[in-house]
PDB file of N, CA and C in Angstrom:
ATOM      1  N   UNK A   1      63.155 108.798  89.132  1.00  0.00           N
ATOM      2  CA  UNK A   1      64.752 109.469  88.229  1.00  0.00           C
ATOM      3  C   UNK A   1      65.059 110.309  89.467  1.00  0.00           C
ATOM      4  N   UNK A   2      64.591 110.959  90.101  1.00  0.00           N
ATOM      5  CA  UNK A   2      65.004 111.646  91.259  1.00  0.00           C
ATOM      6  C   UNK A   2      65.590 110.734  92.554  1.00  0.00           C
ATOM      7  N   UNK A   3      65.287 109.230  92.487  1.00  0.00           N
ATOM      8  CA  UNK A   3      65.361 108.191  93.551  1.00  0.00           C
ATOM      9  C   UNK A   3      66.826 107.836  93.366  1.00  0.00           C
ATOM     10  N   UNK A   4      67.220 107.882  91.800  1.00  0.00           N
ATOM     11  CA  UNK A   4      68.485 107.642  91.522  1.00  0.00           C
ATOM     12  C   UNK A   4      69.426 108.466  91.690  1.00  0.00           C
ATOM     13  N   UNK A   5      69.087 109.763  91.294  1.00  0.00           N
ATOM     14  CA  UNK A   5      69.857 110.734  91.090  1.00  0.00           C
ATOM     15  C   UNK A   5      70.527 111.069  92.479  1.00  0.00           C
ATOM     16  N   UNK A   6      69.440 111.279  93.407  1.00  0.00           N
ATOM     17  CA  UNK A   6      69.842 111.024  94.897  1.00  0.00           C
ATOM     18  C   UNK A   6      70.851 109.585  95.577  1.00  0.00           C
ATOM     19  N   UNK A   7      70.082 108.527  94.998  1.00  0.00           N
ATOM     20  CA  UNK A   7      71.295 107.503  95.347  1.00  0.00           C
ATOM     21  C   UNK A   7      72.573 107.719  94.967  1.00  0.00           C
ATOM     22  N   UNK A   8      72.647 108.424  93.898  1.00  0.00           N
ATOM     23  CA  UNK A   8      74.020 108.325  92.854  1.00  0.00           C
ATOM     24  C   UNK A   8      74.550 109.604  93.651  1.00  0.00           C
ATOM     25  N   UNK A   9      74.137 110.829  94.595  1.00  0.00           N
ATOM     26  CA  UNK A   9      74.642 111.823  95.179  1.00  0.00           C
ATOM     27  C   UNK A   9      74.927 110.930  96.199  1.00  0.00           C
ATOM     28  N   UNK A  10      74.537 110.325  97.341  1.00  0.00           N
ATOM     29  CA  UNK A  10      74.625 109.657  98.092  1.00  0.00           C
ATOM     30  C   UNK A  10      76.080 108.939  98.297  1.00  0.00           C
ATOM     31  N   UNK A  11      76.516 107.935  96.657  1.00  0.00           N
ATOM     32  CA  UNK A  11      77.629 107.374  96.471  1.00  0.00           C
ATOM     33  C   UNK A  11      78.736 108.339  96.748  1.00  0.00           C
ATOM     34  N   UNK A  12      78.028 109.201  95.646  1.00  0.00           N
ATOM     35  CA  UNK A  12      79.443 110.304  95.710  1.00  0.00           C
ATOM     36  C   UNK A  12      80.191 110.725  96.799  1.00  0.00           C
ATOM     37  N   UNK A  13      78.808 111.334  97.344  1.00  0.00           N
ATOM     38  CA  UNK A  13      78.972 111.548  98.933  1.00  0.00           C
ATOM     39  C   UNK A  13      79.743 110.401 100.143  1.00  0.00           C
ATOM     40  N   UNK A  14      79.469 109.605  99.911  1.00  0.00           N
ATOM     41  CA  UNK A  14      80.319 108.035 100.531  1.00  0.00           C
ATOM     42  C   UNK A  14      81.550 108.042 100.261  1.00  0.00           C
ATOM     43  N   UNK A  15      82.206 108.345  98.789  1.00  0.00           N
ATOM     44  CA  UNK A  15      83.300 107.621  98.343  1.00  0.00           C
ATOM     45  C   UNK A  15      83.621 109.232  98.837  1.00  0.00           C
ATOM     46  N   UNK A  16      83.495 110.214  98.665  1.00  0.00           N
ATOM     47  CA  UNK A  16      83.973 111.249  98.810  1.00  0.00           C
ATOM     48  C   UNK A  16      85.237 111.387 100.724  1.00  0.00           C
ATOM     49  N   UNK A  17      83.935 111.095 101.554  1.00  0.00           N
ATOM     50  CA  UNK A  17      83.146 110.805 102.970  1.00  0.00           C
ATOM     51  C   UNK A  17      85.159 109.961 103.360  1.00  0.00           C
ATOM     52  N   UNK A  18      85.060 108.809 102.412  1.00  0.00           N
ATOM     53  CA  UNK A  18      85.974 107.674 102.741  1.00  0.00           C
ATOM     54  C   UNK A  18      87.276 108.311 102.117  1.00  0.00           C
ATOM     55  N   UNK A  19      87.522 108.757 100.829  1.00  0.00           N
ATOM     56  CA  UNK A  19      89.244 109.958 100.939  1.00  0.00           C
ATOM     57  C   UNK A  19      89.239 110.305 101.618  1.00  0.00           C
ATOM     58  N   UNK A  20      88.672 111.510 102.348  1.00  0.00           N
ATOM     59  CA  UNK A  20      88.683 112.453 103.526  1.00  0.00           C
ATOM     60  C   UNK A  20      88.948 111.256 104.201  1.00  0.00           C
ATOM     61  N   UNK A  21      89.040 110.857 104.674  1.00  0.00           N
ATOM     62  CA  UNK A  21      89.097 109.884 106.409  1.00  0.00           C
ATOM     63  C   UNK A  21      90.640 109.620 106.073  1.00  0.00           C
ATOM     64  N   UNK A  22      90.815 108.942 104.647  1.00  0.00           N
ATOM     65  CA  UNK A  22      91.771 108.108 104.275  1.00  0.00           C
ATOM     66  C   UNK A  22      93.224 109.362 103.914  1.00  0.00           C
ATOM     67  N   UNK A  23      92.497 110.761 103.690  1.00  0.00           N
ATOM     68  CA  UNK A  23      93.856 111.782 103.020  1.00  0.00           C
ATOM     69  C   UNK A  23      93.666 112.952 103.881  1.00  0.00           C
ATOM     70  N   UNK A  24      92.250 113.252 104.240  1.00  0.00           N
ATOM     71  CA  UNK A  24      92.207 114.288 104.887  1.00  0.00           C
ATOM     72  C   UNK A  24      93.667 114.933 106.043  1.00  0.00           C
ATOM     73  N   UNK A  25      94.182 113.906 106.657  1.00  0.00           N
ATOM     74  CA  UNK A  25      95.744 114.808 107.483  1.00  0.00           C
ATOM     75  C   UNK A  25      96.099 115.546 106.989  1.00  0.00           C
ATOM     76  N   UNK A  26      96.162 114.871 105.391  1.00  0.00           N
ATOM     77  CA  UNK A  26      97.527 115.309 105.084  1.00  0.00           C
ATOM     78  C   UNK A  26      96.894 117.068 104.157  1.00  0.00           C
ATOM     79  N   UNK A  27      95.498 117.250 104.239  1.00  0.00           N
ATOM     80  CA  UNK A  27      95.062 118.618 103.749  1.00  0.00           C
ATOM     81  C   UNK A  27      95.586 119.441 105.342  1.00  0.00           C
ATOM     82  N   UNK A  28      95.620 118.364 106.662  1.00  0.00           N
ATOM     83  CA  UNK A  28      95.921 119.460 107.322  1.00  0.00           C
ATOM     84  C   UNK A  28      97.227 120.374 107.590  1.00  0.00           C
ATOM     85  N   UNK A  29      97.575 119.577 106.893  1.00  0.00           N
ATOM     86  CA  UNK A  29      99.381 120.413 106.585  1.00  0.00           C
ATOM     87  C   UNK A  29      99.586 121.926 105.747  1.00  0.00           C
ATOM     88  N   UNK A  30      98.495 121.770 104.681  1.00  0.00           N
ATOM     89  CA  UNK A  30      97.669 123.055 103.833  1.00  0.00           C
ATOM     90  C   UNK A  30      97.016 123.588 105.126  1.00  0.00           C
ATOM     91  N   UNK A  31      95.896 123.568 105.842  1.00  0.00           N
ATOM     92  CA  UNK A  31      94.978 124.513 106.271  1.00  0.00           C
ATOM     93  C   UNK A  31      94.477 123.187 107.277  1.00  0.00           C
ATOM     94  N   UNK A  32      94.968 124.089 108.508  1.00  0.00           N
ATOM     95  CA  UNK A  32      95.097 123.222 109.648  1.00  0.00           C
ATOM     96  C   UNK A  32      93.450 122.782 110.021  1.00  0.00           C
ATOM     97  N   UNK A  33      92.862 123.577 110.055  1.00  0.00           N
ATOM     98  CA  UNK A  33      91.219 123.805 110.502  1.00  0.00           C
ATOM     99  C   UNK A  33      90.556 122.972 110.075  1.00  0.00           C
ATOM    100  N   UNK A  34      90.739 122.157 109.306  1.00  0.00           N
ATOM    101  CA  UNK A  34      90.072 121.096 108.332  1.00  0.00           C
ATOM    102  C   UNK A  34      90.553 119.936 109.755  1.00  0.00           C
ATOM    103  N   UNK A  35      91.388 120.224 110.338  1.00  0.00           N
ATOM    104  CA  UNK A  35      91.337 119.039 111.944  1.00  0.00           C
ATOM    105  C   UNK A  35      90.293 119.085 112.248  1.00  0.00           C
ATOM    106  N   UNK A  36      89.278 119.794 112.046  1.00  0.00           N
ATOM    107  CA  UNK A  36      87.958 119.880 113.709  1.00  0.00           C
ATOM    108  C   UNK A  36      86.990 119.464 112.362  1.00  0.00           C
ATOM    109  N   UNK A  37      87.382 119.290 111.023  1.00  0.00           N
ATOM    110  CA  UNK A  37      86.250 117.868 110.534  1.00  0.00           C
ATOM    111  C   UNK A  37      86.977 116.701 110.573  1.00  0.00           C
ATOM    112  N   UNK A  38      88.269 116.655 110.475  1.00  0.00           N
ATOM    113  CA  UNK A  38      89.242 115.297 109.677  1.00  0.00           C
ATOM    114  C   UNK A  38      89.418 114.687 111.021  1.00  0.00           C
ATOM    115  N   UNK A  39      89.336 115.500 112.024  1.00  0.00           N
ATOM    116  CA  UNK A  39      89.679 114.028 113.229  1.00  0.00           C
ATOM    117  C   UNK A  39      87.929 113.668 113.581  1.00  0.00           C
ATOM    118  N   UNK A  40      87.296 114.249 113.538  1.00  0.00           N
ATOM    119  CA  UNK A  40      85.791 112.736 114.245  1.00  0.00           C
ATOM    120  C   UNK A  40      85.667 112.146 112.823  1.00  0.00           C
ATOM    121  N   UNK A  41      85.749 113.174 111.879  1.00  0.00           N
ATOM    122  CA  UNK A  41      85.084 112.130 110.738  1.00  0.00           C
ATOM    123  C   UNK A  41      86.202 110.789 110.561  1.00  0.00           C
ATOM    124  N   UNK A  42      87.921 110.644 110.914  1.00  0.00           N
ATOM    125  CA  UNK A  42      88.719 109.678 111.005  1.00  0.00           C
ATOM    126  C   UNK A  42      88.263 108.503 111.702  1.00  0.00           C
ATOM    127  N   UNK A  43      87.771 109.540 113.036  1.00  0.00           N
ATOM    128  CA  UNK A  43      87.481 108.487 114.481  1.00  0.00           C
ATOM    129  C   UNK A  43      86.245 107.710 114.414  1.00  0.00           C
ATOM    130  N   UNK A  44      85.247 108.469 113.072  1.00  0.00           N
ATOM    131  CA  UNK A  44      84.042 107.563 112.920  1.00  0.00           C
ATOM    132  C   UNK A  44      84.304 107.046 111.675  1.00  0.00           C
ATOM    133  N   UNK A  45      85.297 106.857 110.612  1.00  0.00           N
ATOM    134  CA  UNK A  45      85.559 105.552 109.807  1.00  0.00           C
ATOM    135  C   UNK A  45      86.536 104.177 110.618  1.00  0.00           C
ATOM    136  N   UNK A  46      87.244 104.800 111.246  1.00  0.00           N
ATOM    137  CA  UNK A  46      88.611 104.196 112.120  1.00  0.00           C
ATOM    138  C   UNK A  46      86.982 103.059 112.462  1.00  0.00           C
ATOM    139  N   UNK A  47      86.096 103.747 113.609  1.00  0.00           N
ATOM    140  CA  UNK A  47      84.981 102.839 114.155  1.00  0.00           C
ATOM    141  C   UNK A  47      84.087 101.866 113.669  1.00  0.00           C
ATOM    142  N   UNK A  48      83.868 102.345 112.342  1.00  0.00           N
ATOM    143  CA  UNK A  48      82.472 101.961 111.182  1.00  0.00           C
ATOM    144  C   UNK A  48      83.773 100.416 111.103  1.00  0.00           C
ATOM    145  N   UNK A  49      84.987 100.882 110.345  1.00  0.00           N
ATOM    146  CA  UNK A  49      85.913  99.802 110.017  1.00  0.00           C
ATOM    147  C   UNK A  49      85.929  98.455 111.178  1.00  0.00           C
ATOM    148  N   UNK A  50      86.527  98.988 112.231  1.00  0.00           N
ATOM    149  CA  UNK A  50      86.792  98.060 113.537  1.00  0.00           C
ATOM    150  C   UNK A  50      85.382  97.316 113.882  1.00  0.00           C
ATOM    151  N   UNK A  51      84.825  98.061 114.511  1.00  0.00           N
ATOM    152  CA  UNK A  51      83.355  97.203 114.443  1.00  0.00           C
ATOM    153  C   UNK A  51      82.908  96.157 114.457  1.00  0.00           C
ATOM    154  N   UNK A  52      83.164  96.533 112.634  1.00  0.00           N
ATOM    155  CA  UNK A  52      82.472  95.635 111.584  1.00  0.00           C
ATOM    156  C   UNK A  52      80.668  96.503 111.054  1.00  0.00           C
ATOM    157  N   UNK A  53      80.837  97.570 111.657  1.00  0.00           N
ATOM    158  CA  UNK A  53      79.752  97.943 111.437  1.00  0.00           C
ATOM    159  C   UNK A  53      79.290  98.246 109.867  1.00  0.00           C
ATOM    160  N   UNK A  54      77.782  98.884 109.440  1.00  0.00           N
ATOM    161  CA  UNK A  54      77.924  99.236 108.290  1.00  0.00           C
ATOM    162  C   UNK A  54      77.641 100.815 108.407  1.00  0.00           C
ATOM    163  N   UNK A  55      78.500 101.817 107.497  1.00  0.00           N
ATOM    164  CA  UNK A  55      77.979 102.853 107.552  1.00  0.00           C
ATOM    165  C   UNK A  55      76.261 103.581 107.388  1.00  0.00           C
ATOM    166  N   UNK A  56      76.150 104.522 108.067  1.00  0.00           N
ATOM    167  CA  UNK A  56      74.047 104.625 106.891  1.00  0.00           C
ATOM    168  C   UNK A  56      74.359 105.076 106.216  1.00  0.00           C
ATOM    169  N   UNK A  57      74.875 105.730 105.731  1.00  0.00           N
ATOM    170  CA  UNK A  57      74.967 105.675 103.951  1.00  0.00           C
ATOM    171  C   UNK A  57      74.588 104.909 103.089  1.00  0.00           C
ATOM    172  N   UNK A  58      75.030 103.357 103.526  1.00  0.00           N
ATOM    173  CA  UNK A  58      75.097 102.356 102.538  1.00  0.00           C
ATOM    174  C   UNK A  58      73.798 102.002 102.816  1.00  0.00           C
ATOM    175  N   UNK A  59      72.773 101.796 103.576  1.00  0.00           N
ATOM    176  CA  UNK A  59      71.071 101.759 103.821  1.00  0.00           C
ATOM    177  C   UNK A  59      70.474 102.534 103.298  1.00  0.00           C
ATOM    178  N   UNK A  60      70.967 103.856 103.214  1.00  0.00           N
ATOM    179  CA  UNK A  60      70.110 105.119 102.822  1.00  0.00           C
ATOM    180  C   UNK A  60      70.313 104.751 101.241  1.00  0.00           C
ATOM    181  N   UNK A  61      71.078 104.758 100.706  1.00  0.00           N
ATOM    182  CA  UNK A  61      71.513 104.560  99.068  1.00  0.00           C
ATOM    183  C   UNK A  61      71.221 103.316  98.741  1.00  0.00           C
ATOM    184  N   UNK A  62      70.757 102.384  99.869  1.00  0.00           N
ATOM    185  CA  UNK A  62      69.910 100.943  99.255  1.00  0.00           C
ATOM    186  C   UNK A  62      68.631 101.047  98.842  1.00  0.00           C
ATOM    187  N   UNK A  63      67.846 102.493  99.953  1.00  0.00           N
ATOM    188  CA  UNK A  63      66.198 102.569  99.584  1.00  0.00           C
ATOM    189  C   UNK A  63      66.090 103.473  98.349  1.00  0.00           C
ATOM    190  N   UNK A  64      67.221 104.410  98.483  1.00  0.00           N
ATOM    191  CA  UNK A  64      66.927 105.484  97.262  1.00  0.00           C
ATOM    192  C   UNK A  64      66.674 104.153  95.959  1.00  0.00           C
ATOM    193  N   UNK A  65      67.524 103.751  96.088  1.00  0.00           N
ATOM    194  CA  UNK A  65      67.693 102.524  94.486  1.00  0.00           C
ATOM    195  C   UNK A  65      67.014 102.118  94.756  1.00  0.00           C
ATOM    196  N   UNK A  66      66.345 101.806  95.543  1.00  0.00           N
ATOM    197  CA  UNK A  66      64.750 100.733  95.793  1.00  0.00           C
ATOM    198  C   UNK A  66      63.807 101.296  95.215  1.00  0.00           C
ATOM    199  N   UNK A  67      63.246 102.881  95.546  1.00  0.00           N
ATOM    200  CA  UNK A  67      62.544 103.890  95.706  1.00  0.00           C
ATOM    201  C   UNK A  67      62.591 104.002  94.087  1.00  0.00           C
ATOM    202  N   UNK A  68      63.864 104.047  93.708  1.00  0.00           N
ATOM    203  CA  UNK A  68      64.253 104.823  91.887  1.00  0.00           C
ATOM    204  C   UNK A  68      63.885 103.206  91.045  1.00  0.00           C
ATOM    205  N   UNK A  69      63.660 102.481  92.096  1.00  0.00           N
ATOM    206  CA  UNK A  69      63.727 100.931  90.613  1.00  0.00           C
ATOM    207  C   UNK A  69      64.324 100.159  90.614  1.00  0.00           C
ATOM    208  N   UNK A  70      65.595 100.549  90.869  1.00  0.00           N
ATOM    209  CA  UNK A  70      66.884  99.613  91.041  1.00  0.00           C
ATOM    210  C   UNK A  70      66.793  98.464  92.654  1.00  0.00           C
ATOM    211  N   UNK A  71      67.380  97.981  91.996  1.00  0.00           N
ATOM    212  CA  UNK A  71      67.641  97.110  92.969  1.00  0.00           C
ATOM    213  C   UNK A  71      68.494  97.398  93.882  1.00  0.00           C
ATOM    214  N   UNK A  72      68.649  97.366  94.987  1.00  0.00           N
ATOM    215  CA  UNK A  72      69.446  97.539  95.980  1.00  0.00           C
ATOM    216  C   UNK A  72      71.006  96.293  96.329  1.00  0.00           C
ATOM    217  N   UNK A  73      71.452  96.683  97.615  1.00  0.00           N
ATOM    218  CA  UNK A  73      72.540  95.188  97.528  1.00  0.00           C
ATOM    219  C   UNK A  73      72.532  95.034  99.024  1.00  0.00           C
ATOM    220  N   UNK A  74      73.548  93.916  99.551  1.00  0.00           N
ATOM    221  CA  UNK A  74      73.788  93.690 100.560  1.00  0.00           C
ATOM    222  C   UNK A  74      75.275  94.000 100.443  1.00  0.00           C
ATOM    223  N   UNK A  75      75.153  93.638 101.873  1.00  0.00           N
ATOM    224  CA  UNK A  75      76.898  94.562 102.923  1.00  0.00           C
ATOM    225  C   UNK A  75      76.753  96.059 102.298  1.00  0.00           C
ATOM    226  N   UNK A  76      78.176  96.584 102.231  1.00  0.00           N
ATOM    227  CA  UNK A  76      78.487  97.545 102.570  1.00  0.00           C
ATOM    228  C   UNK A  76      78.905  98.536 101.557  1.00  0.00           C
ATOM    229  N   UNK A  77      79.314  99.592 101.637  1.00  0.00           N
ATOM    230  CA  UNK A  77      79.831 100.266 100.186  1.00  0.00           C
ATOM    231  C   UNK A  77      81.117  99.805  99.999  1.00  0.00           C
ATOM    232  N   UNK A  78      82.484  99.596 100.993  1.00  0.00           N
ATOM    233  CA  UNK A  78      83.769  99.196 100.807  1.00  0.00           C
ATOM    234  C   UNK A  78      83.406  97.619  99.421  1.00  0.00           C
ATOM    235  N   UNK A  79      82.518  96.575 100.733  1.00  0.00           N
ATOM    236  CA  UNK A  79      81.894  95.798  99.414  1.00  0.00           C
ATOM    237  C   UNK A  79      81.834  95.821  97.931  1.00  0.00           C
ATOM    238  N   UNK A  80      80.175  96.120  98.106  1.00  0.00           N
ATOM    239  CA  UNK A  80      79.886  97.091  96.710  1.00  0.00           C
ATOM    240  C   UNK A  80      80.673  97.248  95.888  1.00  0.00           C
ATOM    241  N   UNK A  81      81.093  98.418  95.951  1.00  0.00           N
ATOM    242  CA  UNK A  81      82.269  99.075  95.145  1.00  0.00           C
ATOM    243  C   UNK A  81      84.031  99.143  95.488  1.00  0.00           C
ATOM    244  N   UNK A  82      84.594  99.175  96.402  1.00  0.00           N
ATOM    245  CA  UNK A  82      85.804  99.180  96.205  1.00  0.00           C
ATOM    246  C   UNK A  82      86.646  97.994  96.925  1.00  0.00           C
ATOM    247  N   UNK A  83      86.187  96.795  97.203  1.00  0.00           N
ATOM    248  CA  UNK A  83      86.616  95.639  97.087  1.00  0.00           C
ATOM    249  C   UNK A  83      86.640  94.873  96.239  1.00  0.00           C
ATOM    250  N   UNK A  84      85.513  95.129  94.777  1.00  0.00           N
ATOM    251  CA  UNK A  84      85.539  94.189  93.981  1.00  0.00           C
ATOM    252  C   UNK A  84      87.376  94.561  92.797  1.00  0.00           C
ATOM    253  N   UNK A  85      87.316  96.071  93.209  1.00  0.00           N
ATOM    254  CA  UNK A  85      88.796  96.365  92.738  1.00  0.00           C
ATOM    255  C   UNK A  85      89.957  95.977  92.930  1.00  0.00           C
ATOM    256  N   UNK A  86      89.852  95.476  94.692  1.00  0.00           N
ATOM    257  CA  UNK A  86      91.694  95.280  95.347  1.00  0.00           C
ATOM    258  C   UNK A  86      90.988  93.697  95.386  1.00  0.00           C
ATOM    259  N   UNK A  87      89.974  93.968  96.616  1.00  0.00           N
ATOM    260  CA  UNK A  87      90.088  91.881  97.010  1.00  0.00           C
ATOM    261  C   UNK A  87      88.577  91.882  95.769  1.00  0.00           C
ATOM    262  N   UNK A  88      89.259  91.000  95.369  1.00  0.00           N
ATOM    263  CA  UNK A  88      87.855  90.132  94.627  1.00  0.00           C
ATOM    264  C   UNK A  88      87.617  89.182  95.346  1.00  0.00           C
ATOM    265  N   UNK A  89      88.030  88.682  96.211  1.00  0.00           N
ATOM    266  CA  UNK A  89      87.087  87.508  96.716  1.00  0.00           C
ATOM    267  C   UNK A  89      86.255  87.779  97.799  1.00  0.00           C
ATOM    268  N   UNK A  90      86.074  89.090  98.546  1.00  0.00           N
ATOM    269  CA  UNK A  90      84.948  89.853  99.520  1.00  0.00           C
ATOM    270  C   UNK A  90      85.718  90.225 100.304  1.00  0.00           C
ATOM    271  N   UNK A  91      84.606  91.021 100.805  1.00  0.00           N
ATOM    272  CA  UNK A  91      84.967  91.642 102.241  1.00  0.00           C
ATOM    273  C   UNK A  91      84.991  90.571 103.134  1.00  0.00           C
ATOM    274  N   UNK A  92      85.965  90.748 104.285  1.00  0.00           N
ATOM    275  CA  UNK A  92      86.361  89.158 105.477  1.00  0.00           C
ATOM    276  C   UNK A  92      86.450  90.226 106.745  1.00  0.00           C
ATOM    277  N   UNK A  93      86.306  89.690 107.635  1.00  0.00           N
ATOM    278  CA  UNK A  93      86.454  90.220 108.891  1.00  0.00           C
ATOM    279  C   UNK A  93      88.148  90.871 109.164  1.00  0.00           C
ATOM    280  N   UNK A  94      89.224  89.805 109.045  1.00  0.00           N
ATOM    281  CA  UNK A  94      90.021  90.443 108.491  1.00  0.00           C
ATOM    282  C   UNK A  94      90.718  91.556 107.813  1.00  0.00           C
ATOM    283  N   UNK A  95      89.918  91.465 106.879  1.00  0.00           N
ATOM    284  CA  UNK A  95      90.205  92.604 105.774  1.00  0.00           C
ATOM    285  C   UNK A  95      89.782  93.537 106.268  1.00  0.00           C
ATOM    286  N   UNK A  96      88.310  93.488 106.974  1.00  0.00           N
ATOM    287  CA  UNK A  96      87.759  95.247 107.575  1.00  0.00           C
ATOM    288  C   UNK A  96      88.965  95.666 108.969  1.00  0.00           C
ATOM    289  N   UNK A  97      89.354  94.765 109.469  1.00  0.00           N
ATOM    290  CA  UNK A  97      90.303  95.115 110.511  1.00  0.00           C
ATOM    291  C   UNK A  97      91.992  95.666 109.618  1.00  0.00           C
ATOM    292  N   UNK A  98      92.297  95.158 108.797  1.00  0.00           N
ATOM    293  CA  UNK A  98      93.765  95.595 108.326  1.00  0.00           C
ATOM    294  C   UNK A  98      93.208  97.081 107.574  1.00  0.00           C
ATOM    295  N   UNK A  99      92.056  97.277 106.791  1.00  0.00           N
ATOM    296  CA  UNK A  99      91.812  98.507 107.076  1.00  0.00           C
ATOM    297  C   UNK A  99      92.119  99.864 107.551  1.00  0.00           C
ATOM    298  N   UNK A 100      90.665  99.140 108.554  1.00  0.00           N
ATOM    299  CA  UNK A 100      90.919 100.242 109.610  1.00  0.00           C
ATOM    300  C   UNK A 100      92.343 100.386 109.950  1.00  0.00           C
ATOM    301  N   UNK A 101      92.915  99.344 110.475  1.00  0.00           N
ATOM    302  CA  UNK A 101      94.416  99.820 110.788  1.00  0.00           C
ATOM    303  C   UNK A 101      94.800 100.737 109.690  1.00  0.00           C
ATOM    304  N   UNK A 102      95.133 100.478 108.578  1.00  0.00           N
ATOM    305  CA  UNK A 102      95.377 101.118 107.426  1.00  0.00           C
ATOM    306  C   UNK A 102      94.883 102.830 107.469  1.00  0.00           C
ATOM    307  N   UNK A 103      93.541 102.979 107.497  1.00  0.00           N
ATOM    308  CA  UNK A 103      93.400 104.493 108.016  1.00  0.00           C
ATOM    309  C   UNK A 103      94.140 104.969 109.080  1.00  0.00           C
ATOM    310  N   UNK A 104      94.551 104.601 110.344  1.00  0.00           N
ATOM    311  CA  UNK A 104      94.893 104.828 111.839  1.00  0.00           C
ATOM    312  C   UNK A 104      96.699 105.378 111.312  1.00  0.00           C
ATOM    313  N   UNK A 105      97.107 103.950 110.635  1.00  0.00           N
ATOM    314  CA  UNK A 105      97.981 104.909 110.401  1.00  0.00           C
ATOM    315  C   UNK A 105      98.731 105.691 109.689  1.00  0.00           C
ATOM    316  N   UNK A 106      97.810 105.434 108.382  1.00  0.00           N
ATOM    317  CA  UNK A 106      98.038 107.156 107.467  1.00  0.00           C
ATOM    318  C   UNK A 106      97.889 108.124 108.177  1.00  0.00           C
ATOM    319  N   UNK A 107      96.583 107.945 109.201  1.00  0.00           N
ATOM    320  CA  UNK A 107      96.404 109.579 109.719  1.00  0.00           C
ATOM    321  C   UNK A 107      97.544 110.153 111.142  1.00  0.00           C
ATOM    322  N   UNK A 108      97.830 109.009 111.127  1.00  0.00           N
ATOM    323  CA  UNK A 108      99.080 109.071 112.786  1.00  0.00           C
ATOM    324  C   UNK A 108      99.749 109.751 111.855  1.00  0.00           C
ATOM    325  N   UNK A 109     100.330 109.205 110.478  1.00  0.00           N
ATOM    326  CA  UNK A 109     101.799 109.980 109.841  1.00  0.00           C
ATOM    327  C   UNK A 109     101.346 110.989 109.227  1.00  0.00           C
ATOM    328  N   UNK A 110      99.705 111.553 108.647  1.00  0.00           N
ATOM    329  CA  UNK A 110      99.569 112.893 108.137  1.00  0.00           C
ATOM    330  C   UNK A 110      99.822 113.726 109.312  1.00  0.00           C
ATOM    331  N   UNK A 111      99.147 113.442 111.104  1.00  0.00           N
ATOM    332  CA  UNK A 111      99.190 114.385 112.079  1.00  0.00           C
ATOM    333  C   UNK A 111     100.573 114.471 112.365  1.00  0.00           C
ATOM    334  N   UNK A 112     101.600 113.346 112.610  1.00  0.00           N
ATOM    335  CA  UNK A 112     102.820 113.414 113.197  1.00  0.00           C
ATOM    336  C   UNK A 112     103.663 114.245 112.111  1.00  0.00           C
ATOM    337  N   UNK A 113     103.161 114.716 110.632  1.00  0.00           N
ATOM    338  CA  UNK A 113     103.829 115.769 109.686  1.00  0.00           C
ATOM    339  C   UNK A 113     103.021 117.045 110.197  1.00  0.00           C
ATOM    340  N   UNK A 114     101.679 116.803 110.322  1.00  0.00           N
ATOM    341  CA  UNK A 114     101.237 118.795 111.196  1.00  0.00           C
ATOM    342  C   UNK A 114     102.173 118.867 112.047  1.00  0.00           C
ATOM    343  N   UNK A 115     102.785 117.500 113.606  1.00  0.00           N
ATOM    344  CA  UNK A 115     102.694 118.499 114.238  1.00  0.00           C
ATOM    345  C   UNK A 115     104.161 118.814 114.398  1.00  0.00           C
ATOM    346  N   UNK A 116     104.641 118.254 113.839  1.00  0.00           N
ATOM    347  CA  UNK A 116     106.261 118.173 112.935  1.00  0.00           C
ATOM    348  C   UNK A 116     106.522 119.604 112.023  1.00  0.00           C
ATOM    349  N   UNK A 117     105.933 119.787 111.823  1.00  0.00           N
ATOM    350  CA  UNK A 117     105.546 121.628 111.001  1.00  0.00           C
ATOM    351  C   UNK A 117     105.664 121.896 112.131  1.00  0.00           C
ATOM    352  N   UNK A 118     104.741 122.210 112.846  1.00  0.00           N
ATOM    353  CA  UNK A 118     103.912 123.541 113.528  1.00  0.00           C
ATOM    354  C   UNK A 118     105.255 123.627 114.417  1.00  0.00           C
ATOM    355  N   UNK A 119     105.967 122.285 114.878  1.00  0.00           N
ATOM    356  CA  UNK A 119     106.795 122.974 116.338  1.00  0.00           C
ATOM    357  C   UNK A 119     107.990 123.270 115.742  1.00  0.00           C
ATOM    358  N   UNK A 120     108.315 123.330 114.455  1.00  0.00           N
ATOM    359  CA  UNK A 120     109.424 124.079 113.214  1.00  0.00           C
ATOM    360  C   UNK A 120     109.498 124.869 113.279  1.00  0.00           C
ATOM    361  N   UNK A 121     108.187 125.281 112.677  1.00  0.00           N
ATOM    362  CA  UNK A 121     107.295 127.487 112.507  1.00  0.00           C
ATOM    363  C   UNK A 121     107.824 127.482 113.373  1.00  0.00           C
ATOM    364  N   UNK A 122     107.204 127.369 114.940  1.00  0.00           N
ATOM    365  CA  UNK A 122     107.448 127.498 116.232  1.00  0.00           C
ATOM    366  C   UNK A 122     108.778 128.001 116.790  1.00  0.00           C
ATOM    367  N   UNK A 123     109.138 126.971 116.197  1.00  0.00           N
ATOM    368  CA  UNK A 123     110.365 126.926 117.264  1.00  0.00           C
ATOM    369  C   UNK A 123     111.995 128.266 116.615  1.00  0.00           C
TER     370      UNK A 123
END
């Protein structure tokens, strides 16, 4: 039971991290200090997607599920939990590249707004 709860905690952490990578730049509009955590997180998230790697949280979750008597899964977090909602056909390399590019574009927009706001306040 403990391993299953830990696996669920890793799953929730993984999901929150992905949301932070995607939208954390917009939090910087309100709290600039968040950039110190968000920029490295966004770089990591983009690198994972563009390089086609699997985030280390995925094998950790799988191991905890196996220890809890459940069956682990193959592939990555996106394939397992998010892609069935968005892309039922499955994760392809092209989809990974698009997702990585979307993260970059979203964060460029967020940080452009941060810089624009900082310039307007400072002017």
